Amino acid sequence: MNEFLLIIISYLIGSIPTSVWISRRFFNIDIREYGSGNAGATNTFRVLGKKWGSIVMTVDIVKGVIGTSLWVLVPQYLNITTETDQLHRTNFMIGLGLAAVIGHVFPIWANFKGGKGVATLFGMALAIQPAVALLCIAVFLLVLYLTRFVSLSSILAGVAFMVFILFVYNAHEPFYRAFAIIVALMVVLTHQKNISRILNGTESKVPILKHRDRRKRRREL
């Protein structure tokens, strides 16, 4: 199948506005009109709760995995024999994944107003380098458990992705290394408002692990 066509398909998959469709279908609202006004998993956790936030996050990750995995429809990438071929396949996978992320951020199905793309980025990373992606998910879950800030968890997981790729996995492909740096920068830049709210003490925490916080307050009393 034509590579350009697959990139378009990946964009369309990424454009599926999970949180928007769920909020309209089950709550008769547009998630973008509540909370932070964002159509991502973080705002869904905040507005609709942990059940729907978890569903949105999972689906958004799967979008990245599926979009990036469309490379299997190109026969020449199924039987890699040289390092050059492997490099071309990796670059194509990155292109597919970025198309899915762009679709999530600027979804054609939701007037080009979507989320920040973090969950879809992780899905993309999961398809390209599963071990690194799982380590990043571990960082995300640890920070979320400790702080209940999805935004901070996303930021640190994005930075961890860059560190793992550049210094632990030590990827040699220039495009891949540049991509890892861009991911970290993009995650930080798209969360500037969240960073300000965290520093000001006004960032909302997701409604999970509240029992832990209640026990902590009782001990303090």
Protein backbone atom coordinates (compact mmCIF):
# COMPACT_ATOMS: atom_id res chain seq x y z
CA MET A 1 0.00 0.00 0.00
CA ASN A 2 1.16 3.55 -0.72
CA GLU A 3 3.11 5.03 2.22
CA PHE A 4 1.56 8.47 1.91
CA LEU A 5 -1.92 6.96 1.99
CA LEU A 6 -1.02 5.07 5.18
CA ILE A 7 0.15 8.30 6.80
CA ILE A 8 -3.23 9.85 5.96
CA ILE A 9 -5.01 6.82 7.44
CA SER A 10 -2.88 7.09 10.59
CA TYR A 11 -3.88 10.75 10.90
CA LEU A 12 -7.56 9.79 10.59
CA ILE A 13 -7.16 7.13 13.28
CA GLY A 14 -5.47 9.65 15.56
CA SER A 15 -8.29 12.09 14.86
CA ILE A 16 -10.85 9.90 16.62
CA PRO A 17 -11.89 12.33 19.42
CA THR A 18 -12.40 9.76 22.16
CA SER A 19 -13.22 12.13 25.02
CA VAL A 20 -15.48 14.33 22.87
CA TRP A 21 -17.56 11.43 21.60
CA ILE A 22 -17.82 9.83 25.05
CA SER A 23 -18.81 13.09 26.75
CA ARG A 24 -21.47 13.75 24.12
CA ARG A 25 -22.81 10.20 24.01
CA PHE A 26 -22.99 9.45 27.75
CA PHE A 27 -23.15 12.89 29.40
CA ASN A 28 -24.69 15.12 26.72
CA ILE A 29 -21.86 17.65 27.09
CA ASP A 30 -18.73 18.65 25.18
CA ILE A 31 -15.72 17.92 27.39
CA ARG A 32 -13.95 20.91 25.83
CA GLU A 33 -16.40 23.26 27.52
CA TYR A 34 -15.48 22.06 31.01
CA GLY A 35 -12.40 21.91 33.20
CA SER A 36 -9.28 22.97 31.34
CA GLY A 37 -11.13 22.92 28.00
CA ASN A 38 -8.83 20.19 26.75
CA ALA A 39 -10.04 17.04 24.97
CA GLY A 40 -7.46 14.72 26.49
CA ALA A 41 -7.40 12.08 29.20
CA THR A 42 -6.29 14.50 31.93
CA ASN A 43 -9.37 16.68 31.59
CA THR A 44 -11.57 13.61 31.26
CA PHE A 45 -10.26 12.31 34.59
CA ARG A 46 -10.98 15.73 36.08
CA VAL A 47 -14.48 16.20 34.67
CA LEU A 48 -15.91 12.69 34.15
CA GLY A 49 -13.99 10.68 36.74
CA LYS A 50 -11.47 7.86 36.81
CA LYS A 51 -13.58 5.29 34.93
CA TRP A 52 -14.04 7.40 31.82
CA GLY A 53 -10.61 8.97 32.15
CA SER A 54 -9.05 5.50 32.10
CA ILE A 55 -11.11 4.52 29.05
CA VAL A 56 -10.11 7.66 27.15
CA MET A 57 -6.44 7.22 28.04
CA THR A 58 -6.48 3.57 26.93
CA VAL A 59 -8.18 4.29 23.62
CA ASP A 60 -5.86 7.23 22.90
CA ILE A 61 -2.83 5.00 23.53
CA VAL A 62 -4.28 2.33 21.24
CA LYS A 63 -4.71 4.96 18.50
CA GLY A 64 -0.98 5.58 18.60
CA VAL A 65 -0.19 1.86 18.54
CA ILE A 66 -2.48 1.14 15.58
CA GLY A 67 -1.44 4.19 13.59
CA THR A 68 2.26 3.45 14.02
CA SER A 69 1.78 -0.25 13.24
CA LEU A 70 0.35 0.41 9.78
CA TRP A 71 3.87 -0.16 8.45
CA VAL A 72 3.02 -3.88 8.31
CA LEU A 73 0.89 -3.11 5.24
CA VAL A 74 4.03 -2.22 3.27
CA PRO A 75 5.51 -5.52 1.98
CA GLN A 76 9.06 -4.20 1.66
CA TYR A 77 9.22 -3.60 5.42
CA LEU A 78 8.20 -7.12 6.36
CA ASN A 79 11.50 -8.72 5.37
CA ILE A 80 14.31 -6.48 6.56
CA THR A 81 17.77 -7.63 5.50
CA THR A 82 20.02 -4.58 5.96
CA GLU A 83 20.53 -1.83 8.54
CA THR A 84 19.52 0.71 5.90
CA ASP A 85 16.17 -1.03 5.44
CA GLN A 86 15.68 -1.10 9.20
CA LEU A 87 16.46 2.62 9.39
CA HIS A 88 13.91 3.36 6.66
CA ARG A 89 11.28 1.29 8.47
CA THR A 90 11.95 3.06 11.78
CA ASN A 91 11.71 6.45 10.09
CA PHE A 92 8.45 5.44 8.44
CA MET A 93 7.06 4.23 11.76
CA ILE A 94 7.95 7.58 13.32
CA GLY A 95 6.20 9.35 10.45
CA LEU A 96 3.10 7.21 10.94
CA GLY A 97 3.12 7.78 14.67
CA LEU A 98 3.53 11.53 14.34
CA ALA A 99 0.58 11.56 11.94
CA ALA A 100 -1.56 9.86 14.60
CA VAL A 101 -0.39 12.34 17.23
CA ILE A 102 -1.15 15.29 14.95
CA GLY A 103 -4.57 13.78 14.36
CA HIS A 104 -5.17 13.64 18.10
CA VAL A 105 -4.10 17.25 18.60
CA PHE A 106 -5.91 18.52 15.49
CA PRO A 107 -8.75 16.02 14.89
CA ILE A 108 -10.63 16.43 11.64
CA TRP A 109 -13.67 14.80 13.31
CA ALA A 110 -13.83 17.47 16.07
CA ASN A 111 -13.15 20.80 14.35
CA PHE A 112 -9.37 20.38 14.78
CA LYS A 113 -9.56 20.98 18.54
CA GLY A 114 -8.23 17.94 20.37
CA GLY A 115 -5.95 16.95 23.23
CA LYS A 116 -2.25 17.38 23.89
CA GLY A 117 -1.28 14.05 22.35
CA VAL A 118 0.63 12.55 25.28
CA ALA A 119 -1.29 9.26 25.44
CA THR A 120 -1.07 8.83 21.67
CA LEU A 121 2.65 9.59 21.84
CA PHE A 122 3.06 6.77 24.34
CA GLY A 123 1.12 4.46 22.05
CA MET A 124 3.48 5.41 19.27
CA ALA A 125 6.49 4.71 21.50
CA LEU A 126 4.97 1.39 22.53
CA ALA A 127 4.78 0.32 18.88
CA ILE A 128 8.33 1.45 18.07
CA GLN A 129 10.23 0.56 21.25
CA PRO A 130 8.03 -1.41 23.69
CA ALA A 131 10.66 -1.76 26.45
CA VAL A 132 11.26 1.99 26.63
CA ALA A 133 7.54 2.74 26.48
CA LEU A 134 6.83 0.36 29.37
CA LEU A 135 9.53 2.06 31.44
CA CYS A 136 7.90 5.41 30.70
CA ILE A 137 4.50 4.05 31.71
CA ALA A 138 6.09 2.89 34.98
CA VAL A 139 7.40 6.44 35.54
CA PHE A 140 3.94 7.84 34.75
CA LEU A 141 2.15 5.51 37.16
CA LEU A 142 4.68 6.09 39.95
CA VAL A 143 4.39 9.88 39.71
CA LEU A 144 0.60 9.63 39.45
CA TYR A 145 0.48 7.48 42.57
CA LEU A 146 2.67 9.91 44.50
CA THR A 147 1.07 13.16 43.32
CA ARG A 148 -2.27 12.46 41.55
CA PHE A 149 -1.23 15.04 38.94
CA VAL A 150 -1.74 13.53 35.47
CA SER A 151 -0.01 16.56 33.94
CA LEU A 152 3.15 16.15 36.04
CA SER A 153 3.12 12.39 35.38
CA SER A 154 2.94 13.06 31.63
CA ILE A 155 5.75 15.61 31.73
CA LEU A 156 8.15 13.39 33.66
CA ALA A 157 7.28 10.35 31.53
CA GLY A 158 8.01 12.40 28.38
CA VAL A 159 11.37 13.51 29.77
CA ALA A 160 12.09 9.93 30.82
CA PHE A 161 11.43 8.79 27.24
CA MET A 162 14.16 11.11 25.99
CA VAL A 163 16.58 9.96 28.69
CA PHE A 164 15.92 6.28 28.00
CA ILE A 165 16.33 6.66 24.22
CA LEU A 166 19.44 8.82 24.34
CA PHE A 167 21.34 7.36 27.29
CA VAL A 168 19.92 3.95 28.22
CA TYR A 169 18.77 2.44 24.95
CA ASN A 170 21.39 4.62 23.18
CA ALA A 171 19.62 4.71 19.81
CA HIS A 172 21.97 5.51 16.92
CA GLU A 173 19.46 6.71 14.32
CA PRO A 174 19.69 10.54 14.17
CA PHE A 175 15.98 10.86 13.33
CA TYR A 176 15.03 8.68 16.30
CA ARG A 177 17.25 10.67 18.68
CA ALA A 178 15.83 13.95 17.39
CA PHE A 179 12.34 12.53 17.81
CA ALA A 180 13.04 11.65 21.46
CA ILE A 181 14.16 15.22 22.14
CA ILE A 182 11.16 16.67 20.32
CA VAL A 183 8.81 14.47 22.37
CA ALA A 184 10.22 15.77 25.64
CA LEU A 185 10.10 19.39 24.46
CA MET A 186 6.59 19.04 23.08
CA VAL A 187 5.25 17.50 26.29
CA VAL A 188 6.79 20.28 28.38
CA LEU A 189 5.63 23.06 26.04
CA THR A 190 2.06 21.79 25.81
CA HIS A 191 1.86 21.64 29.61
CA GLN A 192 3.10 25.15 30.38
CA LYS A 193 -0.22 26.17 31.94
CA ASN A 194 -0.25 23.00 34.02
CA ILE A 195 3.29 23.72 35.22
CA SER A 196 2.23 27.22 36.27
CA ARG A 197 -0.78 25.83 38.14
CA ILE A 198 1.36 23.21 39.88
CA LEU A 199 3.81 25.90 41.03
CA ASN A 200 0.91 28.07 42.17
CA GLY A 201 -0.80 25.19 43.94
CA THR A 202 -3.95 25.42 41.83
CA GLU A 203 -3.55 22.34 39.61
CA SER A 204 -6.42 19.87 40.05
CA LYS A 205 -5.68 16.31 41.11
CA VAL A 206 -7.42 13.39 39.48
CA PRO A 207 -10.08 11.67 41.62
CA ILE A 208 -8.09 8.55 42.43
CA LEU A 209 -6.42 7.35 45.62
CA LYS A 210 -8.52 9.75 47.68
CA HIS A 211 -8.69 7.17 50.47
CA ARG A 212 -4.91 7.41 50.78
CA ASP A 213 -5.11 11.18 51.18
CA ARG A 214 -7.87 10.89 53.78
CA ARG A 215 -5.78 8.45 55.84
CA LYS A 216 -2.84 10.82 55.56
CA ARG A 217 -4.91 13.76 56.81
CA ARG A 218 -6.25 11.70 59.72
CA ARG A 219 -2.71 10.76 60.73
CA GLU A 220 -1.68 14.41 60.59
CA LEU A 221 -4.58 15.32 62.88
